[in-house]
Every structure is written in C-alpha cells, then in structure tokens.
Amino acid sequence: TVLRAMRRSYRQERFLGIIEKVRAAMPDA
C-alpha cells in the first residue's frame, strides 16, 4: 500500500524475489 502511494513500481514479493535470486547466485553477498 505504501509502495503504491510512493509510486514505487514493485511490491514486497518482487523485492524479496530479487534478494532470493541474488543469494542463490552469490551466497556471500
């Protein structure tokens, strides 16, 4: 809800998905 009000064009699921992919490719990141 806040991200939408901020006009940030991603949501919680998308953000955590990026973190998960980064950690899968680079566990030490």
PDB file of all heavy atoms in Angstrom:
ATOM      1  N   THR A   1       0.833  -1.208   0.000  1.00  0.00           N
ATOM      2  CA  THR A   1       0.000   0.000   0.000  1.00  0.00           C
ATOM      3  C   THR A   1       0.863   1.251   0.000  1.00  0.00           C
ATOM      4  O   THR A   1       0.619   2.198  -0.765  1.00  0.00           O
ATOM      5  CB  THR A   1      -0.926   0.008   1.229  1.00  0.00           C
ATOM      6  OG1 THR A   1      -1.755  -1.157   1.202  1.00  0.00           O
ATOM      7  CG2 THR A   1      -1.809   1.251   1.235  1.00  0.00           C
ATOM      8  N   VAL A   2       1.877   1.270   0.839  1.00  0.00           N
ATOM      9  CA  VAL A   2       2.762   2.442   0.913  1.00  0.00           C
ATOM     10  C   VAL A   2       3.602   2.551  -0.350  1.00  0.00           C
ATOM     11  O   VAL A   2       3.805   3.658  -0.878  1.00  0.00           O
ATOM     12  CB  VAL A   2       3.646   2.370   2.168  1.00  0.00           C
ATOM     13  CG1 VAL A   2       4.664   3.512   2.171  1.00  0.00           C
ATOM     14  CG2 VAL A   2       2.798   2.432   3.428  1.00  0.00           C
ATOM     15  N   LEU A   3       4.091   1.431  -0.855  1.00  0.00           N
ATOM     16  CA  LEU A   3       4.871   1.467  -2.092  1.00  0.00           C
ATOM     17  C   LEU A   3       4.048   2.053  -3.227  1.00  0.00           C
ATOM     18  O   LEU A   3       4.556   2.815  -4.063  1.00  0.00           O
ATOM     19  CB  LEU A   3       5.348   0.058  -2.462  1.00  0.00           C
ATOM     20  CG  LEU A   3       6.445  -0.528  -1.570  1.00  0.00           C
ATOM     21  CD1 LEU A   3       6.663  -2.000  -1.896  1.00  0.00           C
ATOM     22  CD2 LEU A   3       7.743   0.256  -1.731  1.00  0.00           C
ATOM     23  N   ARG A   4       2.764   1.717  -3.257  1.00  0.00           N
ATOM     24  CA  ARG A   4       1.889   2.276  -4.293  1.00  0.00           C
ATOM     25  C   ARG A   4       1.752   3.790  -4.110  1.00  0.00           C
ATOM     26  O   ARG A   4       1.811   4.557  -5.073  1.00  0.00           O
ATOM     27  CB  ARG A   4       0.520   1.597  -4.217  1.00  0.00           C
ATOM     28  CG  ARG A   4      -0.399   1.899  -5.403  1.00  0.00           C
ATOM     29  CD  ARG A   4      -1.690   1.090  -5.322  1.00  0.00           C
ATOM     30  NE  ARG A   4      -1.431  -0.346  -5.400  1.00  0.00           N
ATOM     31  CZ  ARG A   4      -1.587  -1.189  -4.397  1.00  0.00           C
ATOM     32  NH1 ARG A   4      -1.998  -0.758  -3.207  1.00  0.00           N
ATOM     33  NH2 ARG A   4      -1.329  -2.480  -4.557  1.00  0.00           N
ATOM     34  N   ALA A   5       1.604   4.239  -2.862  1.00  0.00           N
ATOM     35  CA  ALA A   5       1.496   5.674  -2.587  1.00  0.00           C
ATOM     36  C   ALA A   5       2.804   6.401  -2.890  1.00  0.00           C
ATOM     37  O   ALA A   5       2.796   7.573  -3.260  1.00  0.00           O
ATOM     38  CB  ALA A   5       1.098   5.899  -1.130  1.00  0.00           C
ATOM     39  N   MET A   6       3.905   5.692  -2.733  1.00  0.00           N
ATOM     40  CA  MET A   6       5.217   6.266  -3.058  1.00  0.00           C
ATOM     41  C   MET A   6       5.481   6.288  -4.562  1.00  0.00           C
ATOM     42  O   MET A   6       6.449   6.878  -5.006  1.00  0.00           O
ATOM     43  CB  MET A   6       6.329   5.442  -2.381  1.00  0.00           C
ATOM     44  CG  MET A   6       6.433   5.593  -0.886  1.00  0.00           C
ATOM     45  SD  MET A   6       7.774   4.507  -0.267  1.00  0.00           S
ATOM     46  CE  MET A   6       7.965   5.142   1.402  1.00  0.00           C
ATOM     47  N   ARG A   7       4.642   5.601  -5.313  1.00  0.00           N
ATOM     48  CA  ARG A   7       4.837   5.384  -6.752  1.00  0.00           C
ATOM     49  C   ARG A   7       6.111   4.588  -7.005  1.00  0.00           C
ATOM     50  O   ARG A   7       6.866   4.884  -7.943  1.00  0.00           O
ATOM     51  CB  ARG A   7       4.878   6.713  -7.505  1.00  0.00           C
ATOM     52  CG  ARG A   7       3.552   7.066  -8.154  1.00  0.00           C
ATOM     53  CD  ARG A   7       3.701   8.287  -9.045  1.00  0.00           C
ATOM     54  NE  ARG A   7       2.698   9.282  -8.706  1.00  0.00           N
ATOM     55  CZ  ARG A   7       2.843  10.590  -8.829  1.00  0.00           C
ATOM     56  NH1 ARG A   7       3.987  11.067  -9.283  1.00  0.00           N
ATOM     57  NH2 ARG A   7       1.881  11.407  -8.512  1.00  0.00           N
ATOM     58  N   ARG A   8       6.328   3.586  -6.187  1.00  0.00           N
ATOM     59  CA  ARG A   8       7.425   2.644  -6.394  1.00  0.00           C
ATOM     60  C   ARG A   8       6.846   1.471  -7.171  1.00  0.00           C
ATOM     61  O   ARG A   8       5.937   0.786  -6.693  1.00  0.00           O
ATOM     62  CB  ARG A   8       7.986   2.159  -5.062  1.00  0.00           C
ATOM     63  CG  ARG A   8       8.491   3.278  -4.165  1.00  0.00           C
ATOM     64  CD  ARG A   8       9.802   3.834  -4.608  1.00  0.00           C
ATOM     65  NE  ARG A   8      10.918   2.930  -4.356  1.00  0.00           N
ATOM     66  CZ  ARG A   8      12.170   3.210  -4.695  1.00  0.00           C
ATOM     67  NH1 ARG A   8      12.455   4.342  -5.322  1.00  0.00           N
ATOM     68  NH2 ARG A   8      13.138   2.351  -4.440  1.00  0.00           N
ATOM     69  N   SER A   9       7.366   1.196  -8.327  1.00  0.00           N
ATOM     70  CA  SER A   9       6.739   0.241  -9.241  1.00  0.00           C
ATOM     71  C   SER A   9       7.183  -1.206  -9.004  1.00  0.00           C
ATOM     72  O   SER A   9       7.512  -1.930  -9.934  1.00  0.00           O
ATOM     73  CB  SER A   9       7.013   0.641 -10.692  1.00  0.00           C
ATOM     74  OG  SER A   9       8.398   0.863 -10.873  1.00  0.00           O
ATOM     75  N   TYR A  10       7.234  -1.632  -7.755  1.00  0.00           N
ATOM     76  CA  TYR A  10       7.470  -3.021  -7.384  1.00  0.00           C
ATOM     77  C   TYR A  10       6.703  -3.242  -6.082  1.00  0.00           C
ATOM     78  O   TYR A  10       6.237  -2.288  -5.449  1.00  0.00           O
ATOM     79  CB  TYR A  10       8.963  -3.314  -7.178  1.00  0.00           C
ATOM     80  CG  TYR A  10       9.593  -2.418  -6.137  1.00  0.00           C
ATOM     81  CD1 TYR A  10       9.608  -2.770  -4.788  1.00  0.00           C
ATOM     82  CD2 TYR A  10      10.148  -1.198  -6.494  1.00  0.00           C
ATOM     83  CE1 TYR A  10      10.148  -1.930  -3.831  1.00  0.00           C
ATOM     84  CE2 TYR A  10      10.692  -0.355  -5.541  1.00  0.00           C
ATOM     85  CZ  TYR A  10      10.688  -0.716  -4.214  1.00  0.00           C
ATOM     86  OH  TYR A  10      11.216   0.115  -3.267  1.00  0.00           O
ATOM     87  N   ARG A  11       6.556  -4.494  -5.693  1.00  0.00           N
ATOM     88  CA  ARG A  11       5.856  -4.810  -4.465  1.00  0.00           C
ATOM     89  C   ARG A  11       6.746  -5.726  -3.625  1.00  0.00           C
ATOM     90  O   ARG A  11       7.797  -6.176  -4.052  1.00  0.00           O
ATOM     91  CB  ARG A  11       4.502  -5.464  -4.771  1.00  0.00           C
ATOM     92  CG  ARG A  11       3.571  -4.564  -5.592  1.00  0.00           C
ATOM     93  CD  ARG A  11       3.167  -3.311  -4.835  1.00  0.00           C
ATOM     94  NE  ARG A  11       2.351  -2.401  -5.639  1.00  0.00           N
ATOM     95  CZ  ARG A  11       2.814  -1.288  -6.192  1.00  0.00           C
ATOM     96  NH1 ARG A  11       4.101  -0.953  -6.058  1.00  0.00           N
ATOM     97  NH2 ARG A  11       2.002  -0.503  -6.888  1.00  0.00           N
ATOM     98  N   GLN A  12       6.289  -6.019  -2.418  1.00  0.00           N
ATOM     99  CA  GLN A  12       7.087  -6.793  -1.478  1.00  0.00           C
ATOM    100  C   GLN A  12       7.560  -8.113  -2.079  1.00  0.00           C
ATOM    101  O   GLN A  12       8.730  -8.488  -1.950  1.00  0.00           O
ATOM    102  CB  GLN A  12       6.280  -7.070  -0.209  1.00  0.00           C
ATOM    103  CG  GLN A  12       7.017  -7.875   0.826  1.00  0.00           C
ATOM    104  CD  GLN A  12       6.138  -8.305   1.991  1.00  0.00           C
ATOM    105  OE1 GLN A  12       5.968  -9.496   2.223  1.00  0.00           O
ATOM    106  NE2 GLN A  12       5.583  -7.349   2.730  1.00  0.00           N
ATOM    107  N   GLU A  13       6.667  -8.820  -2.742  1.00  0.00           N
ATOM    108  CA  GLU A  13       7.025 -10.123  -3.310  1.00  0.00           C
ATOM    109  C   GLU A  13       8.145  -9.989  -4.334  1.00  0.00           C
ATOM    110  O   GLU A  13       9.076 -10.793  -4.365  1.00  0.00           O
ATOM    111  CB  GLU A  13       5.791 -10.768  -3.950  1.00  0.00           C
ATOM    112  CG  GLU A  13       6.052 -12.166  -4.498  1.00  0.00           C
ATOM    113  CD  GLU A  13       4.811 -12.803  -5.088  1.00  0.00           C
ATOM    114  OE1 GLU A  13       3.760 -12.121  -5.149  1.00  0.00           O
ATOM    115  OE2 GLU A  13       4.880 -13.976  -5.497  1.00  0.00           O
ATOM    116  N   ARG A  14       8.065  -8.977  -5.173  1.00  0.00           N
ATOM    117  CA  ARG A  14       9.089  -8.740  -6.185  1.00  0.00           C
ATOM    118  C   ARG A  14      10.431  -8.436  -5.517  1.00  0.00           C
ATOM    119  O   ARG A  14      11.478  -8.970  -5.908  1.00  0.00           O
ATOM    120  CB  ARG A  14       8.651  -7.587  -7.085  1.00  0.00           C
ATOM    121  CG  ARG A  14       9.749  -6.861  -7.856  1.00  0.00           C
ATOM    122  CD  ARG A  14      10.264  -7.647  -9.025  1.00  0.00           C
ATOM    123  NE  ARG A  14      11.166  -6.825  -9.831  1.00  0.00           N
ATOM    124  CZ  ARG A  14      12.126  -7.314 -10.591  1.00  0.00           C
ATOM    125  NH1 ARG A  14      12.313  -8.615 -10.666  1.00  0.00           N
ATOM    126  NH2 ARG A  14      12.902  -6.513 -11.294  1.00  0.00           N
ATOM    127  N   PHE A  15      10.421  -7.593  -4.492  1.00  0.00           N
ATOM    128  CA  PHE A  15      11.662  -7.219  -3.818  1.00  0.00           C
ATOM    129  C   PHE A  15      12.315  -8.438  -3.179  1.00  0.00           C
ATOM    130  O   PHE A  15      13.513  -8.691  -3.369  1.00  0.00           O
ATOM    131  CB  PHE A  15      11.377  -6.156  -2.753  1.00  0.00           C
ATOM    132  CG  PHE A  15      12.618  -5.603  -2.113  1.00  0.00           C
ATOM    133  CD1 PHE A  15      13.240  -4.469  -2.612  1.00  0.00           C
ATOM    134  CD2 PHE A  15      13.184  -6.227  -0.999  1.00  0.00           C
ATOM    135  CE1 PHE A  15      14.395  -3.967  -2.028  1.00  0.00           C
ATOM    136  CE2 PHE A  15      14.335  -5.739  -0.412  1.00  0.00           C
ATOM    137  CZ  PHE A  15      14.936  -4.608  -0.923  1.00  0.00           C
ATOM    138  N   LEU A  16      11.556  -9.208  -2.414  1.00  0.00           N
ATOM    139  CA  LEU A  16      12.119 -10.381  -1.764  1.00  0.00           C
ATOM    140  C   LEU A  16      12.567 -11.427  -2.785  1.00  0.00           C
ATOM    141  O   LEU A  16      13.517 -12.174  -2.547  1.00  0.00           O
ATOM    142  CB  LEU A  16      11.104 -10.978  -0.791  1.00  0.00           C
ATOM    143  CG  LEU A  16      10.865 -10.162   0.487  1.00  0.00           C
ATOM    144  CD1 LEU A  16       9.748 -10.776   1.313  1.00  0.00           C
ATOM    145  CD2 LEU A  16      12.148 -10.050   1.316  1.00  0.00           C
ATOM    146  N   GLY A  17      11.884 -11.470  -3.934  1.00  0.00           N
ATOM    147  CA  GLY A  17      12.300 -12.375  -5.007  1.00  0.00           C
ATOM    148  C   GLY A  17      13.676 -12.033  -5.539  1.00  0.00           C
ATOM    149  O   GLY A  17      14.480 -12.936  -5.850  1.00  0.00           O
ATOM    150  N   ILE A  18      13.973 -10.740  -5.651  1.00  0.00           N
ATOM    151  CA  ILE A  18      15.301 -10.311  -6.096  1.00  0.00           C
ATOM    152  C   ILE A  18      16.352 -10.733  -5.081  1.00  0.00           C
ATOM    153  O   ILE A  18      17.410 -11.277  -5.438  1.00  0.00           O
ATOM    154  CB  ILE A  18      15.341  -8.783  -6.302  1.00  0.00           C
ATOM    155  CG1 ILE A  18      14.445  -8.367  -7.464  1.00  0.00           C
ATOM    156  CG2 ILE A  18      16.773  -8.311  -6.533  1.00  0.00           C
ATOM    157  CD1 ILE A  18      14.272  -6.874  -7.593  1.00  0.00           C
ATOM    158  N   ILE A  19      16.063 -10.496  -3.798  1.00  0.00           N
ATOM    159  CA  ILE A  19      17.011 -10.870  -2.745  1.00  0.00           C
ATOM    160  C   ILE A  19      17.294 -12.372  -2.793  1.00  0.00           C
ATOM    161  O   ILE A  19      18.444 -12.817  -2.675  1.00  0.00           O
ATOM    162  CB  ILE A  19      16.461 -10.479  -1.360  1.00  0.00           C
ATOM    163  CG1 ILE A  19      16.178  -8.975  -1.289  1.00  0.00           C
ATOM    164  CG2 ILE A  19      17.435 -10.904  -0.262  1.00  0.00           C
ATOM    165  CD1 ILE A  19      17.363  -8.095  -1.529  1.00  0.00           C
ATOM    166  N   GLU A  20      16.241 -13.160  -2.982  1.00  0.00           N
ATOM    167  CA  GLU A  20      16.392 -14.615  -3.042  1.00  0.00           C
ATOM    168  C   GLU A  20      17.273 -15.027  -4.222  1.00  0.00           C
ATOM    169  O   GLU A  20      18.144 -15.890  -4.093  1.00  0.00           O
ATOM    170  CB  GLU A  20      15.013 -15.271  -3.157  1.00  0.00           C
ATOM    171  CG  GLU A  20      15.046 -16.788  -3.135  1.00  0.00           C
ATOM    172  CD  GLU A  20      13.672 -17.412  -3.211  1.00  0.00           C
ATOM    173  OE1 GLU A  20      12.673 -16.656  -3.233  1.00  0.00           O
ATOM    174  OE2 GLU A  20      13.577 -18.658  -3.255  1.00  0.00           O
ATOM    175  N   LYS A  21      17.062 -14.415  -5.382  1.00  0.00           N
ATOM    176  CA  LYS A  21      17.872 -14.745  -6.559  1.00  0.00           C
ATOM    177  C   LYS A  21      19.336 -14.340  -6.362  1.00  0.00           C
ATOM    178  O   LYS A  21      20.250 -15.074  -6.768  1.00  0.00           O
ATOM    179  CB  LYS A  21      17.303 -14.048  -7.796  1.00  0.00           C
ATOM    180  CG  LYS A  21      16.002 -14.634  -8.306  1.00  0.00           C
ATOM    181  CD  LYS A  21      15.530 -13.896  -9.547  1.00  0.00           C
ATOM    182  CE  LYS A  21      14.256 -14.502 -10.104  1.00  0.00           C
ATOM    183  NZ  LYS A  21      13.778 -13.781 -11.310  1.00  0.00           N
ATOM    184  N   VAL A  22      19.555 -13.177  -5.764  1.00  0.00           N
ATOM    185  CA  VAL A  22      20.925 -12.719  -5.517  1.00  0.00           C
ATOM    186  C   VAL A  22      21.634 -13.687  -4.588  1.00  0.00           C
ATOM    187  O   VAL A  22      22.790 -14.086  -4.822  1.00  0.00           O
ATOM    188  CB  VAL A  22      20.925 -11.294  -4.936  1.00  0.00           C
ATOM    189  CG1 VAL A  22      22.321 -10.909  -4.424  1.00  0.00           C
ATOM    190  CG2 VAL A  22      20.460 -10.283  -5.984  1.00  0.00           C
ATOM    191  N   ARG A  23      20.950 -14.100  -3.534  1.00  0.00           N
ATOM    192  CA  ARG A  23      21.580 -15.006  -2.563  1.00  0.00           C
ATOM    193  C   ARG A  23      21.818 -16.392  -3.169  1.00  0.00           C
ATOM    194  O   ARG A  23      22.791 -17.067  -2.827  1.00  0.00           O
ATOM    195  CB  ARG A  23      20.681 -15.115  -1.327  1.00  0.00           C
ATOM    196  CG  ARG A  23      20.638 -13.799  -0.528  1.00  0.00           C
ATOM    197  CD  ARG A  23      21.338 -13.952   0.818  1.00  0.00           C
ATOM    198  NE  ARG A  23      21.661 -12.643   1.395  1.00  0.00           N
ATOM    199  CZ  ARG A  23      20.807 -11.904   2.082  1.00  0.00           C
ATOM    200  NH1 ARG A  23      19.580 -12.332   2.274  1.00  0.00           N
ATOM    201  NH2 ARG A  23      21.195 -10.742   2.579  1.00  0.00           N
ATOM    202  N   ALA A  24      20.932 -16.814  -4.074  1.00  0.00           N
ATOM    203  CA  ALA A  24      21.129 -18.106  -4.726  1.00  0.00           C
ATOM    204  C   ALA A  24      22.370 -18.081  -5.609  1.00  0.00           C
ATOM    205  O   ALA A  24      23.125 -19.057  -5.671  1.00  0.00           O
ATOM    206  CB  ALA A  24      19.898 -18.467  -5.554  1.00  0.00           C
ATOM    207  N   ALA A  25      22.596 -16.965  -6.293  1.00  0.00           N
ATOM    208  CA  ALA A  25      23.752 -16.842  -7.186  1.00  0.00           C
ATOM    209  C   ALA A  25      25.024 -16.494  -6.435  1.00  0.00           C
ATOM    210  O   ALA A  25      26.124 -16.888  -6.840  1.00  0.00           O
ATOM    211  CB  ALA A  25      23.470 -15.777  -8.251  1.00  0.00           C
ATOM    212  N   MET A  26      24.876 -15.743  -5.321  1.00  0.00           N
ATOM    213  CA  MET A  26      26.039 -15.278  -4.545  1.00  0.00           C
ATOM    214  C   MET A  26      25.718 -15.423  -3.062  1.00  0.00           C
ATOM    215  O   MET A  26      25.291 -14.451  -2.424  1.00  0.00           O
ATOM    216  CB  MET A  26      26.342 -13.807  -4.894  1.00  0.00           C
ATOM    217  CG  MET A  26      26.771 -13.577  -6.323  1.00  0.00           C
ATOM    218  SD  MET A  26      26.742 -11.807  -6.782  1.00  0.00           S
ATOM    219  CE  MET A  26      24.975 -11.565  -7.058  1.00  0.00           C
ATOM    220  N   PRO A  27      25.891 -16.590  -2.492  1.00  0.00           N
ATOM    221  CA  PRO A  27      25.537 -16.809  -1.080  1.00  0.00           C
ATOM    222  C   PRO A  27      26.246 -15.863  -0.115  1.00  0.00           C
ATOM    223  O   PRO A  27      25.744 -15.606   0.982  1.00  0.00           O
ATOM    224  CB  PRO A  27      25.953 -18.262  -0.835  1.00  0.00           C
ATOM    225  CG  PRO A  27      25.929 -18.895  -2.192  1.00  0.00           C
ATOM    226  CD  PRO A  27      26.369 -17.819  -3.137  1.00  0.00           C
ATOM    227  N   ASP A  28      27.409 -15.353  -0.521  1.00  0.00           N
ATOM    228  CA  ASP A  28      28.177 -14.479   0.362  1.00  0.00           C
ATOM    229  C   ASP A  28      27.834 -13.004   0.182  1.00  0.00           C
ATOM    230  O   ASP A  28      28.461 -12.136   0.788  1.00  0.00           O
ATOM    231  CB  ASP A  28      29.675 -14.679   0.120  1.00  0.00           C
ATOM    232  CG  ASP A  28      30.071 -14.330  -1.319  1.00  0.00           C
ATOM    233  OD1 ASP A  28      29.205 -14.356  -2.214  1.00  0.00           O
ATOM    234  OD2 ASP A  28      31.270 -14.034  -1.547  1.00  0.00           O
ATOM    235  N   ALA A  29      26.837 -12.684  -0.625  1.00  0.00           N
ATOM    236  CA  ALA A  29      26.521 -11.286  -0.918  1.00  0.00           C
ATOM    237  C   ALA A  29      26.072 -10.534   0.331  1.00  0.00           C
ATOM    238  O   ALA A  29      25.277 -11.039   1.129  1.00  0.00           O
ATOM    239  CB  ALA A  29      25.435 -11.208  -1.989  1.00  0.00           C
TER     240      ALA A  29
END
